[in-house]
C-alpha atoms as a PDB file:
ATOM      1  CA  GLY A   1    -212.601  61.658 126.895  1.00  0.00           C
ATOM      2  CA  ILE A   2    -213.592  64.019 124.452  1.00  0.00           C
ATOM      3  CA  PHE A   3    -213.867  61.242 121.688  1.00  0.00           C
ATOM      4  CA  ILE A   4    -215.758  58.998 124.142  1.00  0.00           C
ATOM      5  CA  SER A   5    -218.481  61.950 125.245  1.00  0.00           C
ATOM      6  CA  TYR A   6    -219.157  62.548 121.417  1.00  0.00           C
ATOM      7  CA  VAL A   7    -220.003  58.694 120.633  1.00  0.00           C
ATOM      8  CA  ALA A   8    -222.238  58.393 124.064  1.00  0.00           C
ATOM      9  CA  MET A   9    -223.886  61.786 123.419  1.00  0.00           C
ATOM     10  CA  ARG A  10    -225.145  60.619 119.974  1.00  0.00           C
ATOM     11  CA  MET A  11    -225.933  57.053 121.445  1.00  0.00           C
ATOM     12  CA  LYS A  12    -229.679  56.050 120.895  1.00  0.00           C
ATOM     13  CA  LEU A  13    -230.727  56.205 124.460  1.00  0.00           C
ATOM     14  CA  ALA A  14    -232.544  52.724 123.768  1.00  0.00           C
ATOM     15  CA  HIS A  15    -228.742  51.383 123.748  1.00  0.00           C
ATOM     16  CA  TRP A  16    -228.329  53.363 127.062  1.00  0.00           C
ATOM     17  CA  GLU A  17    -231.103  51.168 128.460  1.00  0.00           C
ATOM     18  CA  SER A  18    -229.528  48.107 126.908  1.00  0.00           C
ATOM     19  CA  LEU A  19    -226.392  48.810 128.440  1.00  0.00           C
ATOM     20  CA  ALA A  20    -228.107  49.427 132.126  1.00  0.00           C
ATOM     21  CA  ARG A  21    -229.471  45.917 132.058  1.00  0.00           C
ATOM     22  CA  LEU A  22    -225.897  44.736 132.076  1.00  0.00           C
ATOM     23  CA  SER A  23    -224.807  47.693 134.208  1.00  0.00           C
ATOM     24  CA  LEU A  24    -224.493  45.115 137.530  1.00  0.00           C
ATOM     25  CA  PRO A  25    -222.358  42.252 136.135  1.00  0.00           C
ATOM     26  CA  ILE A  26    -220.104  44.787 134.011  1.00  0.00           C
ATOM     27  CA  GLY A  27    -219.772  46.669 137.464  1.00  0.00           C
ATOM     28  CA  ALA A  28    -219.189  44.228 139.658  1.00  0.00           C
ATOM     29  CA  VAL A  29    -216.388  42.753 137.407  1.00  0.00           C
ATOM     30  CA  ALA A  30    -214.757  46.131 136.967  1.00  0.00           C
ATOM     31  CA  LEU A  31    -214.652  45.991 140.757  1.00  0.00           C
ATOM     32  CA  ILE A  32    -213.458  42.467 141.387  1.00  0.00           C
ATOM     33  CA  LEU A  33    -210.361  42.882 138.880  1.00  0.00           C
ATOM     34  CA  PRO A  34    -208.480  45.167 141.423  1.00  0.00           C
ATOM     35  CA  ILE A  35    -208.832  43.028 144.014  1.00  0.00           C
ATOM     36  CA  ILE A  36    -207.257  40.447 141.817  1.00  0.00           C
ATOM     37  CA  PHE A  37    -204.748  42.070 139.603  1.00  0.00           C
ATOM     38  CA  GLY A  38    -204.667  45.390 141.231  1.00  0.00           C
ATOM     39  CA  GLN A  39    -201.592  47.200 142.795  1.00  0.00           C
ATOM     40  CA  ASN A  40    -201.517  49.211 146.403  1.00  0.00           C
ATOM     41  CA  VAL A  41    -201.427  52.927 146.090  1.00  0.00           C
ATOM     42  CA  ASN A  42    -201.670  54.627 149.701  1.00  0.00           C
ATOM     43  CA  GLY A  43    -203.360  51.699 151.069  1.00  0.00           C
ATOM     44  CA  ASN A  44    -205.923  51.298 148.182  1.00  0.00           C
ATOM     45  CA  ARG A  45    -206.157  48.550 146.217  1.00  0.00           C
ATOM     46  CA  ASN A  46    -208.334  49.668 143.163  1.00  0.00           C
ATOM     47  CA  TRP A  47    -206.074  50.718 140.383  1.00  0.00           C
ATOM     48  CA  ILE A  48    -205.281  47.891 137.492  1.00  0.00           C
ATOM     49  CA  PRO A  49    -201.664  48.366 135.995  1.00  0.00           C
ATOM     50  CA  LEU A  50    -202.112  48.971 131.844  1.00  0.00           C
ATOM     51  CA  GLY A  51    -198.588  49.198 130.777  1.00  0.00           C
ATOM     52  CA  PRO A  52    -197.297  52.729 131.417  1.00  0.00           C
ATOM     53  CA  PHE A  53    -201.008  53.509 132.550  1.00  0.00           C
ATOM     54  CA  THR A  54    -203.067  52.718 135.460  1.00  0.00           C
ATOM     55  CA  LEU A  55    -206.967  52.161 135.524  1.00  0.00           C
ATOM     56  CA  GLN A  56    -209.579  52.949 138.212  1.00  0.00           C
ATOM     57  CA  PRO A  57    -212.351  50.685 137.679  1.00  0.00           C
ATOM     58  CA  SER A  58    -214.325  52.261 140.633  1.00  0.00           C
ATOM     59  CA  GLU A  59    -214.757  55.577 138.980  1.00  0.00           C
ATOM     60  CA  PHE A  60    -216.868  53.458 135.937  1.00  0.00           C
ATOM     61  CA  ALA A  61    -218.718  51.260 138.473  1.00  0.00           C
ATOM     62  CA  LYS A  62    -220.414  54.459 139.699  1.00  0.00           C
ATOM     63  CA  LEU A  63    -222.164  55.216 136.314  1.00  0.00           C
ATOM     64  CA  ALA A  64    -223.126  51.719 136.345  1.00  0.00           C
ATOM     65  CA  LEU A  65    -224.379  51.427 139.261  1.00  0.00           C
ATOM     66  CA  ILE A  66    -226.557  54.756 138.326  1.00  0.00           C
ATOM     67  CA  LEU A  67    -227.699  52.988 135.474  1.00  0.00           C
ATOM     68  CA  TYR A  68    -228.891  49.785 137.157  1.00  0.00           C
ATOM     69  CA  CYS A  69    -230.557  51.825 140.287  1.00  0.00           C
ATOM     70  CA  SER A  70    -232.580  54.089 137.484  1.00  0.00           C
ATOM     71  CA  LEU A  71    -233.775  51.224 135.908  1.00  0.00           C
ATOM     72  CA  GLN A  72    -234.807  49.543 139.026  1.00  0.00           C
ATOM     73  CA  LEU A  73    -236.763  52.659 140.401  1.00  0.00           C
ATOM     74  CA  ARG A  74    -238.393  52.999 137.118  1.00  0.00           C
ATOM     75  CA  LYS A  75    -239.429  49.104 137.161  1.00  0.00           C
ATOM     76  CA  HIS A  76    -240.846  50.216 141.023  1.00  0.00           C
ATOM     77  CA  LEU A  77    -242.642  53.214 139.822  1.00  0.00           C
ATOM     78  CA  GLU A  78    -244.318  51.089 136.860  1.00  0.00           C
ATOM     79  CA  ARG A  79    -245.058  48.529 139.567  1.00  0.00           C
ATOM     80  CA  GLN A  80    -246.672  50.804 141.875  1.00  0.00           C
ATOM     81  CA  ALA A  81    -249.118  52.070 138.384  1.00  0.00           C
ATOM     82  CA  LYS A  82    -250.445  48.953 138.062  1.00  0.00           C
ATOM     83  CA  GLY A  83    -251.662  48.513 141.658  1.00  0.00           C
ATOM     84  CA  LEU A  84    -248.656  45.989 142.806  1.00  0.00           C
ATOM     85  CA  GLN A  85    -246.908  45.753 145.689  1.00  0.00           C
ATOM     86  CA  SER A  86    -243.370  47.211 145.395  1.00  0.00           C
ATOM     87  CA  ASN A  87    -240.360  47.985 147.635  1.00  0.00           C
ATOM     88  CA  ALA A  88    -237.563  50.683 145.932  1.00  0.00           C
ATOM     89  CA  ILE A  89    -235.014  49.949 148.695  1.00  0.00           C
ATOM     90  CA  ALA A  90    -235.190  46.393 148.362  1.00  0.00           C
ATOM     91  CA  MET A  91    -234.842  46.781 144.528  1.00  0.00           C
ATOM     92  CA  VAL A  92    -231.584  48.579 144.526  1.00  0.00           C
ATOM     93  CA  SER A  93    -230.381  46.784 147.642  1.00  0.00           C
ATOM     94  CA  VAL A  94    -229.096  43.818 145.835  1.00  0.00           C
ATOM     95  CA  GLY A  95    -226.564  45.694 143.656  1.00  0.00           C
ATOM     96  CA  THR A  96    -225.499  48.845 145.788  1.00  0.00           C
ATOM     97  CA  ILE A  97    -224.593  46.395 148.964  1.00  0.00           C
ATOM     98  CA  GLY A  98    -222.640  44.810 146.517  1.00  0.00           C
ATOM     99  CA  PHE A  99    -220.922  47.365 144.840  1.00  0.00           C
ATOM    100  CA  LEU A 100    -220.286  48.688 148.244  1.00  0.00           C
ATOM    101  CA  LEU A 101    -218.360  45.552 149.837  1.00  0.00           C
ATOM    102  CA  LEU A 102    -216.236  45.237 146.538  1.00  0.00           C
ATOM    103  CA  ILE A 103    -215.036  48.617 146.846  1.00  0.00           C
ATOM    104  CA  LEU A 104    -214.444  48.416 150.683  1.00  0.00           C
ATOM    105  CA  LEU A 105    -212.481  45.456 149.818  1.00  0.00           C
ATOM    106  CA  GLY A 106    -210.466  47.222 147.890  1.00  0.00           C
ATOM    107  CA  ARG A 107    -209.942  49.811 150.764  1.00  0.00           C
ATOM    108  CA  ASP A 108    -211.562  52.526 149.238  1.00  0.00           C
ATOM    109  CA  LEU A 109    -213.948  54.238 151.614  1.00  0.00           C
ATOM    110  CA  GLY A 110    -213.522  57.151 149.794  1.00  0.00           C
ATOM    111  CA  THR A 111    -215.452  56.040 146.804  1.00  0.00           C
ATOM    112  CA  ALA A 112    -217.765  53.969 149.290  1.00  0.00           C
ATOM    113  CA  ILE A 113    -219.026  57.134 150.631  1.00  0.00           C
ATOM    114  CA  ILE A 114    -219.696  58.639 147.165  1.00  0.00           C
ATOM    115  CA  VAL A 115    -221.427  55.528 146.287  1.00  0.00           C
ATOM    116  CA  ALA A 116    -224.081  55.283 148.996  1.00  0.00           C
ATOM    117  CA  GLY A 117    -224.304  58.999 148.911  1.00  0.00           C
ATOM    118  CA  ILE A 118    -225.757  58.649 145.304  1.00  0.00           C
ATOM    119  CA  VAL A 119    -227.986  55.816 145.932  1.00  0.00           C
ATOM    120  CA  PHE A 120    -229.381  57.614 149.030  1.00  0.00           C
ATOM    121  CA  GLY A 121    -229.737  61.180 146.483  1.00  0.00           C
ATOM    122  CA  MET A 122    -231.911  58.529 144.274  1.00  0.00           C
ATOM    123  CA  LEU A 123    -234.185  57.226 146.634  1.00  0.00           C
ATOM    124  CA  PHE A 124    -234.893  60.528 148.071  1.00  0.00           C
ATOM    125  CA  ILE A 125    -235.479  61.694 144.418  1.00  0.00           C
ATOM    126  CA  SER A 126    -238.100  58.651 143.943  1.00  0.00           C
ATOM    127  CA  GLY A 127    -240.193  59.287 147.277  1.00  0.00           C
ATOM    128  CA  ILE A 128    -238.922  57.316 149.787  1.00  0.00           C
ATOM    129  CA  ASN A 129    -239.779  58.031 153.330  1.00  0.00           C
ATOM    130  CA  LEU A 130    -237.580  60.583 154.407  1.00  0.00           C
ATOM    131  CA  ARG A 131    -237.516  59.104 157.870  1.00  0.00           C
ATOM    132  CA  VAL A 132    -236.403  55.430 156.971  1.00  0.00           C
ATOM    133  CA  LEU A 133    -233.677  57.194 154.582  1.00  0.00           C
ATOM    134  CA  LEU A 134    -232.381  58.790 157.572  1.00  0.00           C
ATOM    135  CA  SER A 135    -232.548  55.372 159.309  1.00  0.00           C
ATOM    136  CA  ILE A 136    -230.617  53.723 156.848  1.00  0.00           C
ATOM    137  CA  SER A 137    -227.934  56.379 156.217  1.00  0.00           C
ATOM    138  CA  ALA A 138    -227.057  56.601 160.418  1.00  0.00           C
ATOM    139  CA  LEU A 139    -226.514  52.740 159.985  1.00  0.00           C
ATOM    140  CA  PHE A 140    -224.233  53.340 156.919  1.00  0.00           C
ATOM    141  CA  SER A 141    -222.611  56.036 159.168  1.00  0.00           C
ATOM    142  CA  LEU A 142    -222.102  53.963 161.948  1.00  0.00           C
ATOM    143  CA  GLY A 143    -220.761  51.280 159.738  1.00  0.00           C
ATOM    144  CA  GLY A 144    -218.369  53.959 158.337  1.00  0.00           C
ATOM    145  CA  LEU A 145    -217.182  55.266 161.605  1.00  0.00           C
ATOM    146  CA  ALA A 146    -216.436  51.821 162.993  1.00  0.00           C
ATOM    147  CA  LEU A 147    -214.029  51.051 159.972  1.00  0.00           C
ATOM    148  CA  ALA A 148    -212.326  54.717 161.200  1.00  0.00           C
ATOM    149  CA  ILE A 149    -212.188  53.466 164.586  1.00  0.00           C
ATOM    150  CA  THR A 150    -210.512  50.215 163.834  1.00  0.00           C
ATOM    151  CA  ASN A 151    -207.958  51.591 161.312  1.00  0.00           C
ATOM    152  CA  PRO A 152    -205.482  53.578 163.142  1.00  0.00           C
ATOM    153  CA  ALA A 153    -204.134  55.405 160.068  1.00  0.00           C
ATOM    154  CA  ARG A 154    -208.223  56.262 159.478  1.00  0.00           C
ATOM    155  CA  LEU A 155    -208.151  57.259 163.228  1.00  0.00           C
ATOM    156  CA  ARG A 156    -205.338  59.344 163.031  1.00  0.00           C
ATOM    157  CA  ARG A 157    -207.152  60.911 160.152  1.00  0.00           C
ATOM    158  CA  PHE A 158    -210.063  62.292 162.422  1.00  0.00           C
ATOM    159  CA  SER A 159    -207.325  63.473 165.194  1.00  0.00           C
ATOM    160  CA  ALA A 160    -205.755  65.607 162.064  1.00  0.00           C
ATOM    161  CA  VAL A 161    -209.198  67.464 161.762  1.00  0.00           C
ATOM    162  CA  ILE A 162    -209.225  68.630 165.182  1.00  0.00           C
ATOM    163  CA  ASP A 163    -205.657  70.467 164.863  1.00  0.00           C
ATOM    164  CA  PRO A 164    -203.366  69.374 162.127  1.00  0.00           C
ATOM    165  CA  PHE A 165    -200.772  71.574 163.376  1.00  0.00           C
ATOM    166  CA  ALA A 166    -200.760  69.217 166.735  1.00  0.00           C
ATOM    167  CA  PRO A 167    -196.983  67.875 167.414  1.00  0.00           C
ATOM    168  CA  GLU A 168    -198.042  64.788 167.727  1.00  0.00           C
ATOM    169  CA  ILE A 169    -200.359  64.649 164.516  1.00  0.00           C
ATOM    170  CA  TYR A 170    -198.468  67.259 162.368  1.00  0.00           C
ATOM    171  CA  LYS A 171    -195.762  64.963 160.695  1.00  0.00           C
ATOM    172  CA  LEU A 172    -198.055  61.990 160.374  1.00  0.00           C
ATOM    173  CA  ALA A 173    -201.635  62.341 159.008  1.00  0.00           C
ATOM    174  CA  GLY A 174    -201.683  66.567 159.744  1.00  0.00           C
ATOM    175  CA  TRP A 175    -199.404  66.556 157.132  1.00  0.00           C
ATOM    176  CA  GLN A 176    -201.532  67.180 153.917  1.00  0.00           C
ATOM    177  CA  PRO A 177    -204.546  69.151 155.774  1.00  0.00           C
ATOM    178  CA  ALA A 178    -201.846  71.312 157.480  1.00  0.00           C
ATOM    179  CA  HIS A 179    -200.044  72.375 154.254  1.00  0.00           C
ATOM    180  CA  SER A 180    -203.146  72.495 152.500  1.00  0.00           C
ATOM    181  CA  LEU A 181    -204.663  75.150 154.775  1.00  0.00           C
ATOM    182  CA  MET A 182    -201.091  76.812 154.513  1.00  0.00           C
ATOM    183  CA  SER A 183    -201.693  77.017 150.860  1.00  0.00           C
ATOM    184  CA  LEU A 184    -204.649  78.409 150.890  1.00  0.00           C
ATOM    185  CA  ALA A 185    -204.031  80.828 153.129  1.00  0.00           C
ATOM    186  CA  SER A 186    -200.906  81.899 151.563  1.00  0.00           C
ATOM    187  CA  GLY A 187    -202.898  82.604 148.348  1.00  0.00           C
ATOM    188  CA  GLY A 188    -204.838  85.849 149.551  1.00  0.00           C
ATOM    189  CA  LEU A 189    -207.254  87.471 147.422  1.00  0.00           C
ATOM    190  CA  PHE A 190    -205.304  87.357 143.814  1.00  0.00           C
ATOM    191  CA  GLY A 191    -203.025  84.465 144.152  1.00  0.00           C
ATOM    192  CA  VAL A 192    -199.345  84.401 143.777  1.00  0.00           C
ATOM    193  CA  GLY A 193    -199.741  83.560 139.877  1.00  0.00           C
ATOM    194  CA  ILE A 194    -199.931  80.675 137.883  1.00  0.00           C
ATOM    195  CA  GLY A 195    -197.240  78.175 138.673  1.00  0.00           C
ATOM    196  CA  ALA A 196    -195.320  80.251 141.452  1.00  0.00           C
ATOM    197  CA  SER A 197    -197.021  77.984 144.361  1.00  0.00           C
ATOM    198  CA  LYS A 198    -194.465  76.975 146.798  1.00  0.00           C
ATOM    199  CA  GLN A 199    -196.288  74.265 148.725  1.00  0.00           C
ATOM    200  CA  LYS A 200    -197.073  71.659 145.581  1.00  0.00           C
ATOM    201  CA  TRP A 201    -193.173  71.361 145.769  1.00  0.00           C
ATOM    202  CA  ALA A 202    -192.388  68.239 147.757  1.00  0.00           C
ATOM    203  CA  ASN A 203    -194.712  69.993 150.725  1.00  0.00           C
ATOM    204  CA  LEU A 204    -198.227  69.442 149.894  1.00  0.00           C
ATOM    205  CA  ALA A 205    -198.813  65.608 149.190  1.00  0.00           C
ATOM    206  CA  GLU A 206    -201.300  65.033 146.129  1.00  0.00           C
ATOM    207  CA  ALA A 207    -200.961  68.716 144.983  1.00  0.00           C
ATOM    208  CA  HIS A 208    -201.939  67.459 141.546  1.00  0.00           C
ATOM    209  CA  THR A 209    -204.806  64.800 142.413  1.00  0.00           C
ATOM    210  CA  ASP A 210    -206.515  65.167 145.988  1.00  0.00           C
ATOM    211  CA  PHE A 211    -205.265  68.618 146.693  1.00  0.00           C
ATOM    212  CA  ILE A 212    -205.360  70.223 143.462  1.00  0.00           C
ATOM    213  CA  PHE A 213    -207.745  72.760 144.893  1.00  0.00           C
ATOM    214  CA  SER A 214    -205.474  74.223 147.506  1.00  0.00           C
ATOM    215  CA  VAL A 215    -203.060  74.933 144.744  1.00  0.00           C
ATOM    216  CA  ILE A 216    -205.659  76.557 142.719  1.00  0.00           C
ATOM    217  CA  GLY A 217    -206.187  78.706 146.199  1.00  0.00           C
ATOM    218  CA  GLU A 218    -202.553  79.543 146.406  1.00  0.00           C
ATOM    219  CA  GLU A 219    -201.849  80.328 142.727  1.00  0.00           C
ATOM    220  CA  LEU A 220    -205.287  82.149 141.634  1.00  0.00           C
ATOM    221  CA  GLY A 221    -206.424  83.549 145.397  1.00  0.00           C
ATOM    222  CA  LEU A 222    -209.832  83.581 146.604  1.00  0.00           C
ATOM    223  CA  LEU A 223    -210.957  84.843 143.366  1.00  0.00           C
ATOM    224  CA  GLY A 224    -209.886  81.900 141.755  1.00  0.00           C
ATOM    225  CA  THR A 225    -210.992  79.379 144.199  1.00  0.00           C
ATOM    226  CA  LEU A 226    -215.007  81.309 143.871  1.00  0.00           C
ATOM    227  CA  THR A 227    -214.789  80.720 140.374  1.00  0.00           C
ATOM    228  CA  VAL A 228    -214.089  77.241 140.391  1.00  0.00           C
ATOM    229  CA  VAL A 229    -217.022  76.863 142.975  1.00  0.00           C
ATOM    230  CA  PHE A 230    -218.898  78.626 140.792  1.00  0.00           C
ATOM    231  CA  LEU A 231    -218.418  77.031 137.441  1.00  0.00           C
ATOM    232  CA  PHE A 232    -219.217  73.522 139.512  1.00  0.00           C
ATOM    233  CA  ALA A 233    -222.677  75.181 140.774  1.00  0.00           C
ATOM    234  CA  THR A 234    -223.664  76.019 136.893  1.00  0.00           C
ATOM    235  CA  LEU A 235    -222.829  72.578 136.136  1.00  0.00           C
ATOM    236  CA  ILE A 236    -224.856  71.050 138.832  1.00  0.00           C
ATOM    237  CA  PHE A 237    -227.514  73.447 138.293  1.00  0.00           C
ATOM    238  CA  ALA A 238    -227.991  72.738 134.389  1.00  0.00           C
ATOM    239  CA  ILE A 239    -227.931  68.686 135.228  1.00  0.00           C
ATOM    240  CA  PHE A 240    -230.930  69.120 137.280  1.00  0.00           C
ATOM    241  CA  ARG A 241    -232.421  71.433 135.396  1.00  0.00           C
ATOM    242  CA  VAL A 242    -232.241  68.564 132.542  1.00  0.00           C
ATOM    243  CA  ALA A 243    -233.548  65.909 135.154  1.00  0.00           C
ATOM    244  CA  ILE A 244    -236.598  68.348 136.137  1.00  0.00           C
ATOM    245  CA  ASN A 245    -237.544  68.741 132.323  1.00  0.00           C
ATOM    246  CA  THR A 246    -236.885  65.252 131.344  1.00  0.00           C
ATOM    247  CA  LYS A 247    -240.351  62.907 131.196  1.00  0.00           C
ATOM    248  CA  ASP A 248    -239.030  59.669 130.713  1.00  0.00           C
ATOM    249  CA  LEU A 249    -238.564  57.977 134.157  1.00  0.00           C
ATOM    250  CA  PHE A 250    -235.133  55.920 133.129  1.00  0.00           C
ATOM    251  CA  GLN A 251    -233.342  59.048 131.981  1.00  0.00           C
ATOM    252  CA  LYS A 252    -234.774  61.199 134.968  1.00  0.00           C
ATOM    253  CA  TYR A 253    -232.968  58.925 137.691  1.00  0.00           C
ATOM    254  CA  VAL A 254    -230.005  58.291 135.643  1.00  0.00           C
ATOM    255  CA  VAL A 255    -229.341  62.415 135.101  1.00  0.00           C
ATOM    256  CA  THR A 256    -230.273  62.853 138.899  1.00  0.00           C
ATOM    257  CA  GLY A 257    -228.048  60.290 140.063  1.00  0.00           C
ATOM    258  CA  ILE A 258    -224.858  61.965 138.108  1.00  0.00           C
ATOM    259  CA  GLY A 259    -226.118  65.382 139.703  1.00  0.00           C
ATOM    260  CA  CYS A 260    -226.026  63.583 143.295  1.00  0.00           C
ATOM    261  CA  TRP A 261    -222.433  62.240 141.965  1.00  0.00           C
ATOM    262  CA  MET A 262    -221.012  65.811 140.961  1.00  0.00           C
ATOM    263  CA  ILE A 263    -222.344  67.278 144.058  1.00  0.00           C
ATOM    264  CA  LEU A 264    -221.069  64.708 146.805  1.00  0.00           C
ATOM    265  CA  GLN A 265    -217.679  64.377 144.765  1.00  0.00           C
ATOM    266  CA  VAL A 266    -217.060  68.382 144.823  1.00  0.00           C
ATOM    267  CA  LEU A 267    -218.166  68.569 148.415  1.00  0.00           C
ATOM    268  CA  VAL A 268    -216.202  65.944 149.794  1.00  0.00           C
ATOM    269  CA  ASN A 269    -213.173  67.331 147.808  1.00  0.00           C
ATOM    270  CA  LEU A 270    -213.778  70.299 148.785  1.00  0.00           C
ATOM    271  CA  MET A 271    -214.382  69.929 152.644  1.00  0.00           C
ATOM    272  CA  THR A 272    -211.288  67.538 152.876  1.00  0.00           C
ATOM    273  CA  VAL A 273    -209.354  70.579 151.423  1.00  0.00           C
ATOM    274  CA  VAL A 274    -210.513  73.239 153.676  1.00  0.00           C
ATOM    275  CA  GLY A 275    -209.906  70.570 157.076  1.00  0.00           C
ATOM    276  CA  ILE A 276    -213.628  70.137 157.698  1.00  0.00           C
ATOM    277  CA  ILE A 277    -213.503  66.249 157.277  1.00  0.00           C
ATOM    278  CA  PRO A 278    -210.796  63.869 157.412  1.00  0.00           C
ATOM    279  CA  VAL A 279    -209.086  63.296 153.783  1.00  0.00           C
ATOM    280  CA  ILE A 280    -210.329  60.080 152.375  1.00  0.00           C
ATOM    281  CA  GLY A 281    -208.989  60.307 149.238  1.00  0.00           C
ATOM    282  CA  VAL A 282    -211.348  61.973 146.218  1.00  0.00           C
ATOM    283  CA  THR A 283    -210.579  63.514 143.147  1.00  0.00           C
ATOM    284  CA  LEU A 284    -211.858  66.905 142.047  1.00  0.00           C
ATOM    285  CA  PRO A 285    -214.130  66.253 139.098  1.00  0.00           C
ATOM    286  CA  PHE A 286    -212.563  67.748 135.385  1.00  0.00           C
ATOM    287  CA  ILE A 287    -209.575  69.381 137.283  1.00  0.00           C
ATOM    288  CA  SER A 288    -207.520  66.646 139.259  1.00  0.00           C
ATOM    289  CA  TYR A 289    -205.058  64.669 137.235  1.00  0.00           C
ATOM    290  CA  GLY A 290    -206.631  61.218 136.536  1.00  0.00           C
ATOM    291  CA  GLY A 291    -207.572  59.343 133.409  1.00  0.00           C
ATOM    292  CA  SER A 292    -210.216  57.385 134.861  1.00  0.00           C
ATOM    293  CA  SER A 293    -211.392  59.771 136.482  1.00  0.00           C
ATOM    294  CA  LEU A 294    -211.801  62.458 133.636  1.00  0.00           C
ATOM    295  CA  VAL A 295    -213.227  59.638 131.204  1.00  0.00           C
ATOM    296  CA  ALA A 296    -215.997  58.778 133.738  1.00  0.00           C
ATOM    297  CA  ASN A 297    -217.026  62.032 134.316  1.00  0.00           C
ATOM    298  CA  CYS A 298    -217.158  62.902 130.420  1.00  0.00           C
ATOM    299  CA  LEU A 299    -219.052  59.776 130.302  1.00  0.00           C
ATOM    300  CA  ALA A 300    -221.553  60.916 132.822  1.00  0.00           C
ATOM    301  CA  ILE A 301    -222.033  64.605 131.134  1.00  0.00           C
ATOM    302  CA  ALA A 302    -222.017  62.936 127.716  1.00  0.00           C
ATOM    303  CA  PHE A 303    -225.460  61.227 128.949  1.00  0.00           C
ATOM    304  CA  VAL A 304    -226.731  64.555 130.297  1.00  0.00           C
ATOM    305  CA  LEU A 305    -226.034  65.823 127.186  1.00  0.00           C
ATOM    306  CA  ASN A 306    -227.901  62.960 125.291  1.00  0.00           C
ATOM    307  CA  VAL A 307    -231.030  63.830 127.422  1.00  0.00           C
ATOM    308  CA  ALA A 308    -230.914  67.387 126.617  1.00  0.00           C
ATOM    309  CA  ARG A 309    -230.408  67.710 122.843  1.00  0.00           C
ATOM    310  CA  ARG A 310    -233.331  65.494 122.714  1.00  0.00           C
ATOM    311  CA  GLU A 311    -235.509  67.637 124.905  1.00  0.00           C
ATOM    312  CA  PRO A 312    -237.964  69.687 123.058  1.00  0.00           C
ATOM    313  CA  ASP A 313    -237.195  72.849 123.931  1.00  0.00           C
ATOM    314  CA  PHE A 314    -233.480  72.436 123.660  1.00  0.00           C
ATOM    315  CA  LYS A 315    -234.629  71.404 119.862  1.00  0.00           C
ATOM    316  CA  ALA A 316    -236.580  74.579 119.279  1.00  0.00           C
ATOM    317  CA  ALA A 317    -233.593  76.603 120.211  1.00  0.00           C
ATOM    318  CA  ARG A 318    -231.138  74.942 118.463  1.00  0.00           C
ATOM    319  CA  ILE A 319    -233.641  74.970 115.051  1.00  0.00           C
ATOM    320  CA  ALA A 320    -233.972  79.014 115.873  1.00  0.00           C
ATOM    321  CA  ARG A 321    -230.533  79.595 116.138  1.00  0.00           C
ATOM    322  CA  LYS A 322    -229.951  77.969 112.722  1.00  0.00           C
ATOM    323  CA  THR A 323    -232.766  80.135 111.404  1.00  0.00           C
ATOM    324  CA  VAL A 324    -231.226  83.314 112.510  1.00  0.00           C
ATOM    325  CA  LYS A 325    -228.008  82.394 111.085  1.00  0.00           C
END
């Protein structure tokens, strides 16, 4: 991840634009491969076995879709500036719907929600009428609800949100959220100490991936969890600060999309851990175990750094620091 970040941070932005023009077919192929060659993990078919490792292409497809939508939205604004008729939703809908269908074929509802949310955020920033966006999001929400209701396993997860400790739910869909709450509750203010978590030993499923925040809460306590939240808030604030200061429309939309990605990924994971929403299998960026997620996140942040280091204020600060030395 660090090596890829180093290379991506120094790539010419023209190369990123060239990559964006190919991002739709690249992303589509990446999502088709798990359907053909993938293996089922916890009911999802979005991993490709590569010897001792597994690759999750949907993580990279998120960035591919952001690049594609950014290019389309820039074209939309350029057409409007020339007095031509243009529809931003229509311009991004083909790629977005295609990606969502391929992700849902792999039964990965969590990633589908993140992807839909990213595009929603990018359209909102582009100035699309809020009523139109809310109408579209309502349709997607109804579709997601229908997928949940028609699947018994997902329906049980909704029941677990209400009371994960209910006898008829606890040993099924309630097990993960119940033990997640136990883990967080037992941490107190300062935690039980690093490595001293009890819930992660066979009780809390996916303790190293989806529910790692619960382990942080148990071992480092409330102060540890608040520190993690503060660090994510700082990172997201910095990302949107770069987006606001960037003049190039393509770069602005890509950085905005990456910011929306981080917000949604963090919020969905945290709300799952504390039992506000059903378990949908979303990792915590940079912390959860998973090579595909880590490399994709590093690649996304590398783009933000690439844009930031070319901004005049950043350049001036860097020159001033060298002069002081």
